[in-house]
Amino acid sequence: MRECHPGTCPACGGVIQIVHHRLDIPHFPDLLLVAIACDACGYRHTDTIILGEGDPVRWTMRVEEPDDLSIRVARSTTGTITIPELGLAVEPGTACEGFVTNVEGVLARFEQAVETVLANPESDEERAAALRMLAKIGSAREVAFPFTVILEDPMGNSALVGEKAEKMLLDRDES
């Protein structure tokens, strides 16, 4: 079901269309996609909201071959994604957005974050560390070494979808 509503752009105050689209994806509760785009200033915002709540969960998978990069990742606004071998994590926060992508898309998001640091590094050391991290992420995207993707969600609304993905329910105290 798709609905459009007029709204006001938070960046420039112009008129925008806010699009709500409910999706039914197997293995997931109802999803609500929200998209905002302003033709006047170019502001864009998208969010994936999982409607409902489940049990606390930890999903784990080992990426060992290129096909593993296509494993689906659905992260709600309460989910944390960690790749220990890279020392990277994305955690919930005030500007947190949910998203549906794949493992390669998660690596691309990490690349974008590191590139943001490279745009204005505070020191030569920070720049060198960011360049090293970009090289590591690039190697991971080529599956030059095996790595682990861990997705935890205390609300149970995030998941890894693929045969290699392992699900473990957590106690409320663990989440």
C-alpha atoms as a PDB file:
ATOM      1  CA  MET A   1       0.000   0.000   0.000  1.00  0.00           C
ATOM      2  CA  ARG A   2       1.471   3.362  -1.061  1.00  0.00           C
ATOM      3  CA  GLU A   3       0.385   6.751   0.281  1.00  0.00           C
ATOM      4  CA  CYS A   4       1.629  10.249  -0.548  1.00  0.00           C
ATOM      5  CA  HIS A   5       1.222  13.236   1.744  1.00  0.00           C
ATOM      6  CA  PRO A   6       2.304  16.845   1.278  1.00  0.00           C
ATOM      7  CA  GLY A   7       4.776  18.231   3.766  1.00  0.00           C
ATOM      8  CA  THR A   8       7.352  20.899   4.446  1.00  0.00           C
ATOM      9  CA  CYS A   9      11.031  20.413   3.675  1.00  0.00           C
ATOM     10  CA  PRO A  10      13.061  20.504   6.901  1.00  0.00           C
ATOM     11  CA  ALA A  11      16.008  22.027   5.015  1.00  0.00           C
ATOM     12  CA  CYS A  12      14.470  24.867   2.986  1.00  0.00           C
ATOM     13  CA  GLY A  13      10.785  25.031   3.939  1.00  0.00           C
ATOM     14  CA  GLY A  14       9.599  24.172   0.424  1.00  0.00           C
ATOM     15  CA  VAL A  15       6.725  21.843  -0.387  1.00  0.00           C
ATOM     16  CA  ILE A  16       7.650  18.157  -0.506  1.00  0.00           C
ATOM     17  CA  GLN A  17       5.923  14.834  -0.960  1.00  0.00           C
ATOM     18  CA  ILE A  18       6.247  12.303   1.834  1.00  0.00           C
ATOM     19  CA  VAL A  19       5.771   8.788   0.498  1.00  0.00           C
ATOM     20  CA  HIS A  20       4.806   5.901   2.812  1.00  0.00           C
ATOM     21  CA  HIS A  21       4.959   2.426   1.340  1.00  0.00           C
ATOM     22  CA  ARG A  22       4.117  -0.742   3.283  1.00  0.00           C
ATOM     23  CA  LEU A  23       5.977  -3.850   2.186  1.00  0.00           C
ATOM     24  CA  ASP A  24       5.379  -7.505   2.842  1.00  0.00           C
ATOM     25  CA  ILE A  25       8.741  -9.294   2.719  1.00  0.00           C
ATOM     26  CA  PRO A  26       8.974 -12.981   3.651  1.00  0.00           C
ATOM     27  CA  HIS A  27      10.607 -13.640   7.066  1.00  0.00           C
ATOM     28  CA  PHE A  28       9.968 -10.074   8.267  1.00  0.00           C
ATOM     29  CA  PRO A  29       7.173  -8.283  10.039  1.00  0.00           C
ATOM     30  CA  ASP A  30       5.439  -5.461   8.154  1.00  0.00           C
ATOM     31  CA  LEU A  31       7.864  -2.853   6.833  1.00  0.00           C
ATOM     32  CA  LEU A  32       7.098   0.806   6.271  1.00  0.00           C
ATOM     33  CA  LEU A  33       9.352   2.656   3.841  1.00  0.00           C
ATOM     34  CA  VAL A  34       9.312   6.436   4.155  1.00  0.00           C
ATOM     35  CA  ALA A  35      10.853   8.604   1.449  1.00  0.00           C
ATOM     36  CA  ILE A  36      11.123  12.385   1.385  1.00  0.00           C
ATOM     37  CA  ALA A  37      12.536  14.362  -1.535  1.00  0.00           C
ATOM     38  CA  CYS A  38      12.623  18.114  -2.097  1.00  0.00           C
ATOM     39  CA  ASP A  39      12.848  19.293  -5.695  1.00  0.00           C
ATOM     40  CA  ALA A  40      13.734  22.831  -4.562  1.00  0.00           C
ATOM     41  CA  CYS A  41      16.916  22.152  -2.557  1.00  0.00           C
ATOM     42  CA  GLY A  42      17.679  18.468  -3.194  1.00  0.00           C
ATOM     43  CA  TYR A  43      17.115  17.325   0.408  1.00  0.00           C
ATOM     44  CA  ARG A  44      16.470  13.586   0.598  1.00  0.00           C
ATOM     45  CA  HIS A  45      15.669  11.253   3.465  1.00  0.00           C
ATOM     46  CA  THR A  46      14.635   7.624   3.511  1.00  0.00           C
ATOM     47  CA  ASP A  47      13.869   5.350   6.398  1.00  0.00           C
ATOM     48  CA  THR A  48      12.816   1.753   6.830  1.00  0.00           C
ATOM     49  CA  ILE A  49      10.613   1.215   9.853  1.00  0.00           C
ATOM     50  CA  ILE A  50       9.769  -2.264  11.020  1.00  0.00           C
ATOM     51  CA  LEU A  51       6.292  -2.289  12.476  1.00  0.00           C
ATOM     52  CA  GLY A  52       6.136  -4.542  15.488  1.00  0.00           C
ATOM     53  CA  GLU A  53       8.444  -6.013  18.049  1.00  0.00           C
ATOM     54  CA  GLY A  54       9.970  -9.443  18.447  1.00  0.00           C
ATOM     55  CA  ASP A  55      12.305 -11.236  20.801  1.00  0.00           C
ATOM     56  CA  PRO A  56      15.882  -9.984  21.232  1.00  0.00           C
ATOM     57  CA  VAL A  57      18.037 -11.644  18.594  1.00  0.00           C
ATOM     58  CA  ARG A  58      21.618 -12.012  17.375  1.00  0.00           C
ATOM     59  CA  TRP A  59      22.248 -13.003  13.770  1.00  0.00           C
ATOM     60  CA  THR A  60      25.725 -14.178  12.765  1.00  0.00           C
ATOM     61  CA  MET A  61      27.243 -15.235   9.475  1.00  0.00           C
ATOM     62  CA  ARG A  62      30.707 -15.905   8.146  1.00  0.00           C
ATOM     63  CA  VAL A  63      31.517 -14.308   4.786  1.00  0.00           C
ATOM     64  CA  GLU A  64      33.877 -16.666   2.977  1.00  0.00           C
ATOM     65  CA  GLU A  65      33.039 -16.398  -0.726  1.00  0.00           C
ATOM     66  CA  PRO A  66      31.780 -13.683  -3.096  1.00  0.00           C
ATOM     67  CA  ASP A  67      28.202 -15.048  -3.121  1.00  0.00           C
ATOM     68  CA  ASP A  68      28.018 -14.353   0.630  1.00  0.00           C
ATOM     69  CA  LEU A  69      28.126 -10.619  -0.135  1.00  0.00           C
ATOM     70  CA  SER A  70      24.585 -10.861  -1.521  1.00  0.00           C
ATOM     71  CA  ILE A  71      23.078 -12.100   1.777  1.00  0.00           C
ATOM     72  CA  ARG A  72      20.183  -9.764   2.652  1.00  0.00           C
ATOM     73  CA  VAL A  73      20.593  -7.452   5.652  1.00  0.00           C
ATOM     74  CA  ALA A  74      17.540  -5.786   7.198  1.00  0.00           C
ATOM     75  CA  ARG A  75      18.549  -3.468  10.019  1.00  0.00           C
ATOM     76  CA  SER A  76      15.921  -1.717  12.085  1.00  0.00           C
ATOM     77  CA  THR A  77      16.573   1.505  13.968  1.00  0.00           C
ATOM     78  CA  THR A  78      17.375  -0.595  17.061  1.00  0.00           C
ATOM     79  CA  GLY A  79      19.871  -2.947  15.378  1.00  0.00           C
ATOM     80  CA  THR A  80      23.661  -2.981  15.731  1.00  0.00           C
ATOM     81  CA  ILE A  81      25.889  -4.345  12.949  1.00  0.00           C
ATOM     82  CA  THR A  82      29.432  -5.382  13.859  1.00  0.00           C
ATOM     83  CA  ILE A  83      32.279  -6.736  11.732  1.00  0.00           C
ATOM     84  CA  PRO A  84      34.907  -7.663  14.354  1.00  0.00           C
ATOM     85  CA  GLU A  85      37.712  -8.403  11.867  1.00  0.00           C
ATOM     86  CA  LEU A  86      37.489  -4.825  10.606  1.00  0.00           C
ATOM     87  CA  GLY A  87      36.825  -3.256  14.007  1.00  0.00           C
ATOM     88  CA  LEU A  88      33.687  -1.622  12.590  1.00  0.00           C
ATOM     89  CA  ALA A  89      30.209  -1.213  14.048  1.00  0.00           C
ATOM     90  CA  VAL A  90      27.096   0.787  13.291  1.00  0.00           C
ATOM     91  CA  GLU A  91      24.943   1.357  16.332  1.00  0.00           C
ATOM     92  CA  PRO A  92      21.562   2.949  17.005  1.00  0.00           C
ATOM     93  CA  GLY A  93      21.615   6.674  17.663  1.00  0.00           C
ATOM     94  CA  THR A  94      19.525   9.808  17.429  1.00  0.00           C
ATOM     95  CA  ALA A  95      19.852  10.051  13.629  1.00  0.00           C
ATOM     96  CA  CYS A  96      19.637   6.288  13.109  1.00  0.00           C
ATOM     97  CA  GLU A  97      17.863   4.995  10.014  1.00  0.00           C
ATOM     98  CA  GLY A  98      16.727   1.492   9.315  1.00  0.00           C
ATOM     99  CA  PHE A  99      17.621  -0.017   5.951  1.00  0.00           C
ATOM    100  CA  VAL A 100      17.397  -3.115   3.802  1.00  0.00           C
ATOM    101  CA  THR A 101      20.514  -3.952   1.774  1.00  0.00           C
ATOM    102  CA  ASN A 102      23.010  -6.811   1.498  1.00  0.00           C
ATOM    103  CA  VAL A 103      26.432  -7.471   3.051  1.00  0.00           C
ATOM    104  CA  GLU A 104      28.161  -5.638   0.202  1.00  0.00           C
ATOM    105  CA  GLY A 105      25.845  -2.662   0.814  1.00  0.00           C
ATOM    106  CA  VAL A 106      26.828  -2.641   4.497  1.00  0.00           C
ATOM    107  CA  LEU A 107      30.505  -2.526   3.472  1.00  0.00           C
ATOM    108  CA  ALA A 108      29.689   0.349   1.085  1.00  0.00           C
ATOM    109  CA  ARG A 109      28.051   2.257   3.970  1.00  0.00           C
ATOM    110  CA  PHE A 110      31.210   1.799   6.040  1.00  0.00           C
ATOM    111  CA  GLU A 111      33.274   3.053   3.080  1.00  0.00           C
ATOM    112  CA  GLN A 112      31.123   6.172   2.843  1.00  0.00           C
ATOM    113  CA  ALA A 113      31.609   6.856   6.557  1.00  0.00           C
ATOM    114  CA  VAL A 114      35.396   6.539   6.234  1.00  0.00           C
ATOM    115  CA  GLU A 115      35.399   8.748   3.131  1.00  0.00           C
ATOM    116  CA  THR A 116      33.604  11.401   5.191  1.00  0.00           C
ATOM    117  CA  VAL A 117      36.527  11.335   7.627  1.00  0.00           C
ATOM    118  CA  LEU A 118      38.975  11.551   4.709  1.00  0.00           C
ATOM    119  CA  ALA A 119      37.232  14.667   3.414  1.00  0.00           C
ATOM    120  CA  ASN A 120      38.472  16.617   6.437  1.00  0.00           C
ATOM    121  CA  PRO A 121      40.940  14.637   8.584  1.00  0.00           C
ATOM    122  CA  GLU A 122      42.059  16.203  11.855  1.00  0.00           C
ATOM    123  CA  SER A 123      45.640  14.949  11.486  1.00  0.00           C
ATOM    124  CA  ASP A 124      48.003  13.056   9.213  1.00  0.00           C
ATOM    125  CA  GLU A 125      47.591  10.040  11.507  1.00  0.00           C
ATOM    126  CA  GLU A 126      43.812  10.128  11.133  1.00  0.00           C
ATOM    127  CA  ARG A 127      44.168  10.356   7.354  1.00  0.00           C
ATOM    128  CA  ALA A 128      46.591   7.406   7.278  1.00  0.00           C
ATOM    129  CA  ALA A 129      44.295   5.313   9.500  1.00  0.00           C
ATOM    130  CA  ALA A 130      41.305   6.129   7.275  1.00  0.00           C
ATOM    131  CA  LEU A 131      43.239   5.121   4.155  1.00  0.00           C
ATOM    132  CA  ARG A 132      44.243   1.832   5.822  1.00  0.00           C
ATOM    133  CA  MET A 133      40.605   1.198   6.748  1.00  0.00           C
ATOM    134  CA  LEU A 134      39.448   1.891   3.178  1.00  0.00           C
ATOM    135  CA  ALA A 135      41.982  -0.662   1.941  1.00  0.00           C
ATOM    136  CA  LYS A 136      40.721  -3.234   4.483  1.00  0.00           C
ATOM    137  CA  ILE A 137      37.097  -2.637   3.503  1.00  0.00           C
ATOM    138  CA  GLY A 138      38.068  -2.938  -0.180  1.00  0.00           C
ATOM    139  CA  SER A 139      39.722  -6.286   0.548  1.00  0.00           C
ATOM    140  CA  ALA A 140      36.613  -7.405   2.428  1.00  0.00           C
ATOM    141  CA  ARG A 141      34.436  -6.459  -0.575  1.00  0.00           C
ATOM    142  CA  GLU A 142      36.649  -8.763  -2.656  1.00  0.00           C
ATOM    143  CA  VAL A 143      36.414 -11.435   0.084  1.00  0.00           C
ATOM    144  CA  ALA A 144      40.213 -11.524   0.226  1.00  0.00           C
ATOM    145  CA  PHE A 145      39.823 -12.836   3.785  1.00  0.00           C
ATOM    146  CA  PRO A 146      36.909 -14.348   5.692  1.00  0.00           C
ATOM    147  CA  PHE A 147      35.009 -12.080   8.073  1.00  0.00           C
ATOM    148  CA  THR A 148      31.985 -12.213  10.350  1.00  0.00           C
ATOM    149  CA  VAL A 149      28.852 -10.084  10.231  1.00  0.00           C
ATOM    150  CA  ILE A 150      26.965  -9.837  13.527  1.00  0.00           C
ATOM    151  CA  LEU A 151      23.556  -8.184  13.707  1.00  0.00           C
ATOM    152  CA  GLU A 152      21.974  -7.743  17.143  1.00  0.00           C
ATOM    153  CA  ASP A 153      18.586  -6.236  17.835  1.00  0.00           C
ATOM    154  CA  PRO A 154      16.970  -6.039  21.275  1.00  0.00           C
ATOM    155  CA  MET A 155      13.576  -5.539  19.591  1.00  0.00           C
ATOM    156  CA  GLY A 156      14.016  -8.506  17.245  1.00  0.00           C
ATOM    157  CA  ASN A 157      13.272  -6.440  14.142  1.00  0.00           C
ATOM    158  CA  SER A 158      16.548  -6.931  12.273  1.00  0.00           C
ATOM    159  CA  ALA A 159      17.733  -9.982  10.362  1.00  0.00           C
ATOM    160  CA  LEU A 160      20.268 -11.561   8.060  1.00  0.00           C
ATOM    161  CA  VAL A 161      18.457 -13.597   5.411  1.00  0.00           C
ATOM    162  CA  GLY A 162      20.404 -16.456   3.874  1.00  0.00           C
ATOM    163  CA  GLU A 163      21.248 -20.093   4.375  1.00  0.00           C
ATOM    164  CA  LYS A 164      24.509 -19.296   6.183  1.00  0.00           C
ATOM    165  CA  ALA A 165      22.879 -16.857   8.615  1.00  0.00           C
ATOM    166  CA  GLU A 166      22.534 -18.244  12.134  1.00  0.00           C
ATOM    167  CA  LYS A 167      19.882 -16.896  14.486  1.00  0.00           C
ATOM    168  CA  MET A 168      20.209 -16.944  18.244  1.00  0.00           C
ATOM    169  CA  LEU A 169      17.518 -15.641  20.574  1.00  0.00           C
ATOM    170  CA  LEU A 170      18.841 -13.553  23.450  1.00  0.00           C
ATOM    171  CA  ASP A 171      17.604 -13.034  26.957  1.00  0.00           C
ATOM    172  CA  ARG A 172      16.278  -9.531  27.579  1.00  0.00           C
ATOM    173  CA  ASP A 173      19.322  -9.039  29.860  1.00  0.00           C
ATOM    174  CA  GLU A 174      21.768  -9.877  27.035  1.00  0.00           C
ATOM    175  CA  SER A 175      20.325  -7.396  24.559  1.00  0.00           C
END
